[in-house]
Amino acid sequence: MTVKEKIAERSQLCQSIREIIVDRLMLDISADFISNDQPLVGRGLELDSIDSLEISVAVNMEMDVTITDEDSTTIFSSINHLADFIEKARERADEE
C-alpha cells in the first residue's frame, strides 16, 4: 500500500468515526466540526461515560472492533486515538 493510500484510508477511518459519533449520539453538529485531535470526553465534545459506551457499541457493530473498559480511558481522548486503536485491532485480527 502506498503512502497516499494509507493517508486516504486513515482519513476515511477518522471520518467514519466522526459520523458514528454524531449519528449515534444524535449530536446537533456536523461530523466535520469534530477535529481529529479534539478531546472527546470532558472538555472538547464533553462526552460522558454513557456516550463512550454508546460509541463502543457502535464501533463494535459497524467496524467489528471490541473496546473494553480497560481500553476506554486512553482511546476516547480523541478521534486519532480511537482510530489508532481500531487500526491495531484490525491488524491483530488479520494476523490471526
Protein backbone atom coordinates (compact mmCIF):
# COMPACT_ATOMS: atom_id res chain seq x y z
CA MET A 1 0.00 0.00 0.00
CA THR A 2 1.38 3.41 -0.95
CA VAL A 3 1.67 6.33 1.45
CA LYS A 4 -1.14 8.14 -0.36
CA GLU A 5 -3.39 5.11 0.03
CA LYS A 6 -2.56 4.86 3.74
CA ILE A 7 -3.34 8.54 4.23
CA ALA A 8 -6.63 8.21 2.36
CA GLU A 9 -7.57 5.11 4.36
CA ARG A 10 -6.77 6.83 7.67
CA SER A 11 -8.72 9.92 6.63
CA GLN A 12 -11.74 7.77 5.75
CA LEU A 13 -11.50 5.91 9.07
CA CYS A 14 -11.45 9.18 11.02
CA GLN A 15 -14.40 10.49 9.02
CA SER A 16 -16.34 7.28 9.71
CA ILE A 17 -15.64 7.57 13.43
CA ARG A 18 -16.82 11.20 13.48
CA GLU A 19 -20.01 10.21 11.63
CA ILE A 20 -20.65 7.34 14.06
CA ILE A 21 -20.30 9.74 16.99
CA VAL A 22 -22.63 12.35 15.52
CA ASP A 23 -25.23 9.78 14.38
CA ARG A 24 -25.26 7.54 17.47
CA LEU A 25 -25.26 10.39 19.96
CA MET A 26 -27.68 12.43 17.86
CA LEU A 27 -25.45 15.48 18.12
CA ASP A 28 -26.69 18.64 16.51
CA ILE A 29 -23.39 19.30 14.73
CA SER A 30 -21.72 18.29 11.51
CA ALA A 31 -19.21 15.42 11.69
CA ASP A 32 -16.73 17.79 10.06
CA PHE A 33 -16.98 20.07 13.13
CA ILE A 34 -15.05 17.49 15.17
CA SER A 35 -11.30 17.64 14.68
CA ASN A 36 -9.15 14.51 14.87
CA ASP A 37 -7.26 15.80 17.93
CA GLN A 38 -10.18 17.37 19.77
CA PRO A 39 -10.78 15.86 23.22
CA LEU A 40 -13.95 13.78 23.22
CA VAL A 41 -14.56 13.20 26.94
CA GLY A 42 -14.66 16.12 29.36
CA ARG A 43 -13.61 19.35 27.73
CA GLY A 44 -13.96 19.35 23.96
CA LEU A 45 -17.14 17.49 22.99
CA GLU A 46 -17.96 16.98 26.69
CA LEU A 47 -18.98 13.35 26.23
CA ASP A 48 -19.56 11.27 29.33
CA SER A 49 -19.21 7.58 30.17
CA ILE A 50 -22.65 6.73 28.76
CA ASP A 51 -21.68 8.39 25.47
CA SER A 52 -18.43 6.39 25.46
CA LEU A 53 -20.39 3.19 25.97
CA GLU A 54 -22.68 4.05 23.06
CA ILE A 55 -19.68 4.75 20.83
CA SER A 56 -18.10 1.45 21.91
CA VAL A 57 -21.24 -0.44 20.90
CA ALA A 58 -21.41 1.38 17.56
CA VAL A 59 -17.73 0.72 16.79
CA ASN A 60 -18.26 -2.93 17.63
CA MET A 61 -21.33 -3.19 15.38
CA GLU A 62 -20.06 -1.15 12.44
CA MET A 63 -16.34 -1.90 12.48
CA ASP A 64 -16.24 -5.28 14.25
CA VAL A 65 -13.80 -3.98 16.88
CA THR A 66 -14.38 -4.55 20.59
CA ILE A 67 -13.48 -1.84 23.10
CA THR A 68 -13.19 -2.89 26.74
CA ASP A 69 -13.35 -0.74 29.87
CA GLU A 70 -9.60 -1.01 30.31
CA ASP A 71 -9.06 0.40 26.80
CA SER A 72 -11.54 3.26 27.07
CA THR A 73 -9.60 5.75 29.18
CA THR A 74 -6.97 6.41 26.55
CA ILE A 75 -8.76 5.77 23.28
CA PHE A 76 -11.64 8.13 23.89
CA SER A 77 -9.27 11.04 24.33
CA SER A 78 -9.55 11.89 20.58
CA ILE A 79 -10.60 10.63 17.16
CA ASN A 80 -6.93 9.90 16.39
CA HIS A 81 -6.54 7.72 19.49
CA LEU A 82 -9.71 5.83 18.62
CA ALA A 83 -8.52 5.38 15.02
CA ASP A 84 -5.14 4.11 16.27
CA PHE A 85 -6.92 1.55 18.44
CA ILE A 86 -9.15 0.39 15.56
CA GLU A 87 -6.20 0.05 13.17
CA LYS A 88 -4.23 -2.01 15.70
CA ALA A 89 -7.23 -4.22 16.44
CA ARG A 90 -7.71 -4.85 12.72
CA GLU A 91 -4.01 -5.69 12.32
CA ARG A 92 -4.23 -8.20 15.18
CA ALA A 93 -7.34 -9.76 13.65
CA ASP A 94 -5.58 -10.07 10.27
CA GLU A 95 -2.64 -11.85 11.92
CA GLU A 96 -4.89 -14.49 13.48
